[in-house]
Amino acid sequence: MKGEQDESAGDRLRDIHDELSNNPDQQDKTSTSSGSWLPLESNPEIFTSFARHVANLPPEWIFIDVFGFDDETMRLIPRPVAAVILLFPCTDPLYAARAVQKKILLKAQASGNLTPAAKSALHIEQVKSFGNAC
């Protein structure tokens, strides 16, 4: 479709994955039940660095790990909280719902009807053909 990026063209992450997956020294480190896959980084420091680089994250904001949603654990989280990143498996119905949401968002964007929150949100899509990596 015109305007959409070809997921396989110029994909540095895929190139790195393929290179390491084909390296015999890395085989045990990248093997999963669904085939070979690089372990993905989910380190709050990496997220913070990335967000500072691509989204101009202010110095007073950081990413942290949340180890549970019980009251005691939630009290350990610094306030205020601006966002939460959740890790969960994607399914075909979820991808279908996201496609509908994307059409609505693009229509609102084209007409200039985005809310301030929507204008400033950073969204990184999971790539279905690449093990749901972001």
C-alpha atoms as a PDB file:
ATOM      1  CA  MET A   1       0.000   0.000   0.000  1.00  0.00           C
ATOM      2  CA  LYS A   2       1.343   3.445  -0.889  1.00  0.00           C
ATOM      3  CA  GLY A   3       2.829   5.305   2.085  1.00  0.00           C
ATOM      4  CA  GLU A   4       3.447   2.188   4.159  1.00  0.00           C
ATOM      5  CA  GLN A   5       7.007   1.120   4.871  1.00  0.00           C
ATOM      6  CA  ASP A   6       8.074  -2.298   3.634  1.00  0.00           C
ATOM      7  CA  GLU A   7       8.906  -4.121   6.868  1.00  0.00           C
ATOM      8  CA  SER A   8      11.764  -6.038   5.251  1.00  0.00           C
ATOM      9  CA  ALA A   9      13.426  -3.139   3.397  1.00  0.00           C
ATOM     10  CA  GLY A  10      16.391  -1.640   5.200  1.00  0.00           C
ATOM     11  CA  ASP A  11      15.516  -3.277   8.513  1.00  0.00           C
ATOM     12  CA  ARG A  12      18.716  -3.076  10.576  1.00  0.00           C
ATOM     13  CA  LEU A  13      17.185  -5.057  13.449  1.00  0.00           C
ATOM     14  CA  ARG A  14      16.315  -7.906  11.088  1.00  0.00           C
ATOM     15  CA  ASP A  15      19.846  -7.796   9.627  1.00  0.00           C
ATOM     16  CA  ILE A  16      21.400  -8.037  13.094  1.00  0.00           C
ATOM     17  CA  HIS A  17      18.994 -10.824  14.069  1.00  0.00           C
ATOM     18  CA  ASP A  18      19.766 -12.807  10.934  1.00  0.00           C
ATOM     19  CA  GLU A  19      23.503 -12.343  11.333  1.00  0.00           C
ATOM     20  CA  LEU A  20      23.498 -13.511  14.950  1.00  0.00           C
ATOM     21  CA  SER A  21      21.016 -16.309  14.288  1.00  0.00           C
ATOM     22  CA  ASN A  22      23.306 -17.734  11.633  1.00  0.00           C
ATOM     23  CA  ASN A  23      26.349 -17.548  13.910  1.00  0.00           C
ATOM     24  CA  PRO A  24      26.951 -21.014  15.469  1.00  0.00           C
ATOM     25  CA  ASP A  25      28.371 -19.365  18.612  1.00  0.00           C
ATOM     26  CA  GLN A  26      25.017 -17.641  19.179  1.00  0.00           C
ATOM     27  CA  GLN A  27      22.656 -20.574  18.473  1.00  0.00           C
ATOM     28  CA  ASP A  28      22.023 -21.515  22.120  1.00  0.00           C
ATOM     29  CA  LYS A  29      21.495 -17.870  23.102  1.00  0.00           C
ATOM     30  CA  THR A  30      18.867 -17.176  20.420  1.00  0.00           C
ATOM     31  CA  SER A  31      16.879 -20.384  20.407  1.00  0.00           C
ATOM     32  CA  THR A  32      13.249 -20.288  21.521  1.00  0.00           C
ATOM     33  CA  SER A  33      10.272 -22.581  21.178  1.00  0.00           C
ATOM     34  CA  SER A  34       9.112 -20.543  18.145  1.00  0.00           C
ATOM     35  CA  GLY A  35      12.472 -20.673  16.376  1.00  0.00           C
ATOM     36  CA  SER A  36      15.566 -18.579  16.728  1.00  0.00           C
ATOM     37  CA  TRP A  37      15.058 -15.138  18.163  1.00  0.00           C
ATOM     38  CA  LEU A  38      17.296 -12.588  19.792  1.00  0.00           C
ATOM     39  CA  PRO A  39      16.438 -11.828  23.394  1.00  0.00           C
ATOM     40  CA  LEU A  40      14.910  -8.343  23.409  1.00  0.00           C
ATOM     41  CA  GLU A  41      16.169  -5.647  25.717  1.00  0.00           C
ATOM     42  CA  SER A  42      13.592  -4.491  28.236  1.00  0.00           C
ATOM     43  CA  ASN A  43      15.885  -2.507  30.477  1.00  0.00           C
ATOM     44  CA  PRO A  44      14.477   0.762  31.892  1.00  0.00           C
ATOM     45  CA  GLU A  45      17.834   2.470  31.334  1.00  0.00           C
ATOM     46  CA  ILE A  46      17.750   1.500  27.653  1.00  0.00           C
ATOM     47  CA  PHE A  47      14.164   2.779  27.326  1.00  0.00           C
ATOM     48  CA  THR A  48      15.157   6.049  29.040  1.00  0.00           C
ATOM     49  CA  SER A  49      18.163   6.537  26.779  1.00  0.00           C
ATOM     50  CA  PHE A  50      16.121   5.725  23.676  1.00  0.00           C
ATOM     51  CA  ALA A  51      13.310   8.112  24.671  1.00  0.00           C
ATOM     52  CA  ARG A  52      15.791  10.906  25.376  1.00  0.00           C
ATOM     53  CA  HIS A  53      17.289  10.350  21.930  1.00  0.00           C
ATOM     54  CA  VAL A  54      14.130  10.005  19.793  1.00  0.00           C
ATOM     55  CA  ALA A  55      11.443  11.790  21.792  1.00  0.00           C
ATOM     56  CA  ASN A  56      13.306  14.450  23.780  1.00  0.00           C
ATOM     57  CA  LEU A  57      12.346  12.885  27.123  1.00  0.00           C
ATOM     58  CA  PRO A  58      12.917  15.539  29.813  1.00  0.00           C
ATOM     59  CA  PRO A  59      15.774  14.824  32.252  1.00  0.00           C
ATOM     60  CA  GLU A  60      13.412  14.557  35.222  1.00  0.00           C
ATOM     61  CA  TRP A  61      11.531  11.622  33.630  1.00  0.00           C
ATOM     62  CA  ILE A  62      12.826   8.034  33.690  1.00  0.00           C
ATOM     63  CA  PHE A  63      11.591   4.538  32.977  1.00  0.00           C
ATOM     64  CA  ILE A  64      11.526   2.037  35.843  1.00  0.00           C
ATOM     65  CA  ASP A  65      10.612  -1.611  36.274  1.00  0.00           C
ATOM     66  CA  VAL A  66       7.258  -2.377  37.868  1.00  0.00           C
ATOM     67  CA  PHE A  67       7.386  -5.756  39.551  1.00  0.00           C
ATOM     68  CA  GLY A  68       3.715  -6.099  40.453  1.00  0.00           C
ATOM     69  CA  PHE A  69       0.376  -4.361  40.698  1.00  0.00           C
ATOM     70  CA  ASP A  70      -0.396  -5.070  44.336  1.00  0.00           C
ATOM     71  CA  ASP A  71      -0.819  -2.058  46.660  1.00  0.00           C
ATOM     72  CA  GLU A  72       2.532  -2.484  48.409  1.00  0.00           C
ATOM     73  CA  THR A  73       4.501  -2.688  45.156  1.00  0.00           C
ATOM     74  CA  MET A  74       2.578   0.200  43.600  1.00  0.00           C
ATOM     75  CA  ARG A  75       3.592   2.430  46.533  1.00  0.00           C
ATOM     76  CA  LEU A  76       7.236   1.986  45.470  1.00  0.00           C
ATOM     77  CA  ILE A  77       6.643   3.644  42.104  1.00  0.00           C
ATOM     78  CA  PRO A  78       7.789   7.276  41.927  1.00  0.00           C
ATOM     79  CA  ARG A  79       5.018   9.773  41.212  1.00  0.00           C
ATOM     80  CA  PRO A  80       3.737  11.228  38.986  1.00  0.00           C
ATOM     81  CA  VAL A  81       3.451   8.459  36.406  1.00  0.00           C
ATOM     82  CA  ALA A  82       3.128   9.579  32.797  1.00  0.00           C
ATOM     83  CA  ALA A  83       2.877   6.227  31.028  1.00  0.00           C
ATOM     84  CA  VAL A  84       3.177   2.479  31.344  1.00  0.00           C
ATOM     85  CA  ILE A  85       4.748   0.023  28.928  1.00  0.00           C
ATOM     86  CA  LEU A  86       3.141  -3.389  29.012  1.00  0.00           C
ATOM     87  CA  LEU A  87       4.643  -6.557  27.627  1.00  0.00           C
ATOM     88  CA  PHE A  88       2.068  -9.054  26.429  1.00  0.00           C
ATOM     89  CA  PRO A  89       1.604 -11.395  23.488  1.00  0.00           C
ATOM     90  CA  CYS A  90      -0.219 -10.004  20.464  1.00  0.00           C
ATOM     91  CA  THR A  91      -2.928 -11.971  18.717  1.00  0.00           C
ATOM     92  CA  ASP A  92      -4.577 -11.647  15.317  1.00  0.00           C
ATOM     93  CA  PRO A  93      -7.707  -9.986  16.824  1.00  0.00           C
ATOM     94  CA  LEU A  94      -5.469  -7.450  18.567  1.00  0.00           C
ATOM     95  CA  TYR A  95      -3.674  -6.672  15.298  1.00  0.00           C
ATOM     96  CA  ALA A  96      -7.067  -6.268  13.589  1.00  0.00           C
ATOM     97  CA  ALA A  97      -8.230  -3.848  16.291  1.00  0.00           C
ATOM     98  CA  ARG A  98      -4.987  -1.885  15.995  1.00  0.00           C
ATOM     99  CA  ALA A  99      -5.473  -1.605  12.220  1.00  0.00           C
ATOM    100  CA  VAL A 100      -8.898  -0.053  12.811  1.00  0.00           C
ATOM    101  CA  GLN A 101      -7.437   2.327  15.422  1.00  0.00           C
ATOM    102  CA  LYS A 102      -4.631   3.301  13.054  1.00  0.00           C
ATOM    103  CA  LYS A 103      -7.140   4.250  10.324  1.00  0.00           C
ATOM    104  CA  ILE A 104      -9.071   6.396  12.813  1.00  0.00           C
ATOM    105  CA  LEU A 105      -5.872   8.055  14.022  1.00  0.00           C
ATOM    106  CA  LEU A 106      -4.640   8.767  10.486  1.00  0.00           C
ATOM    107  CA  LYS A 107      -8.024  10.281   9.589  1.00  0.00           C
ATOM    108  CA  ALA A 108      -7.934  12.503  12.688  1.00  0.00           C
ATOM    109  CA  GLN A 109      -4.347  13.467  11.927  1.00  0.00           C
ATOM    110  CA  ALA A 110      -5.190  14.381   8.323  1.00  0.00           C
ATOM    111  CA  SER A 111      -8.101  16.566   9.445  1.00  0.00           C
ATOM    112  CA  GLY A 112      -6.081  18.227  12.213  1.00  0.00           C
ATOM    113  CA  ASN A 113      -8.343  16.861  14.937  1.00  0.00           C
ATOM    114  CA  LEU A 114      -5.753  15.225  17.189  1.00  0.00           C
ATOM    115  CA  THR A 115      -5.876  15.925  20.899  1.00  0.00           C
ATOM    116  CA  PRO A 116      -2.742  17.428  22.509  1.00  0.00           C
ATOM    117  CA  ALA A 117      -2.083  14.053  24.163  1.00  0.00           C
ATOM    118  CA  ALA A 118      -2.316  12.242  20.817  1.00  0.00           C
ATOM    119  CA  LYS A 119       0.005  14.800  19.206  1.00  0.00           C
ATOM    120  CA  SER A 120       2.695  14.238  21.843  1.00  0.00           C
ATOM    121  CA  ALA A 121       2.348  10.463  22.294  1.00  0.00           C
ATOM    122  CA  LEU A 122       5.198   8.176  21.307  1.00  0.00           C
ATOM    123  CA  HIS A 123       3.916   4.888  19.953  1.00  0.00           C
ATOM    124  CA  ILE A 124       6.203   2.109  18.800  1.00  0.00           C
ATOM    125  CA  GLU A 125       4.380  -0.628  16.927  1.00  0.00           C
ATOM    126  CA  GLN A 126       5.080  -4.286  17.401  1.00  0.00           C
ATOM    127  CA  VAL A 127       6.029  -6.021  14.158  1.00  0.00           C
ATOM    128  CA  LYS A 128       3.995  -9.176  13.712  1.00  0.00           C
ATOM    129  CA  SER A 129       6.327 -10.701  11.138  1.00  0.00           C
ATOM    130  CA  PHE A 130       9.271 -10.238  13.474  1.00  0.00           C
ATOM    131  CA  GLY A 131       8.125 -11.934  16.649  1.00  0.00           C
ATOM    132  CA  ASN A 132       6.222  -8.876  17.919  1.00  0.00           C
ATOM    133  CA  ALA A 133       9.431  -6.899  18.362  1.00  0.00           C
ATOM    134  CA  CYS A 134       9.087  -3.156  18.621  1.00  0.00           C
END
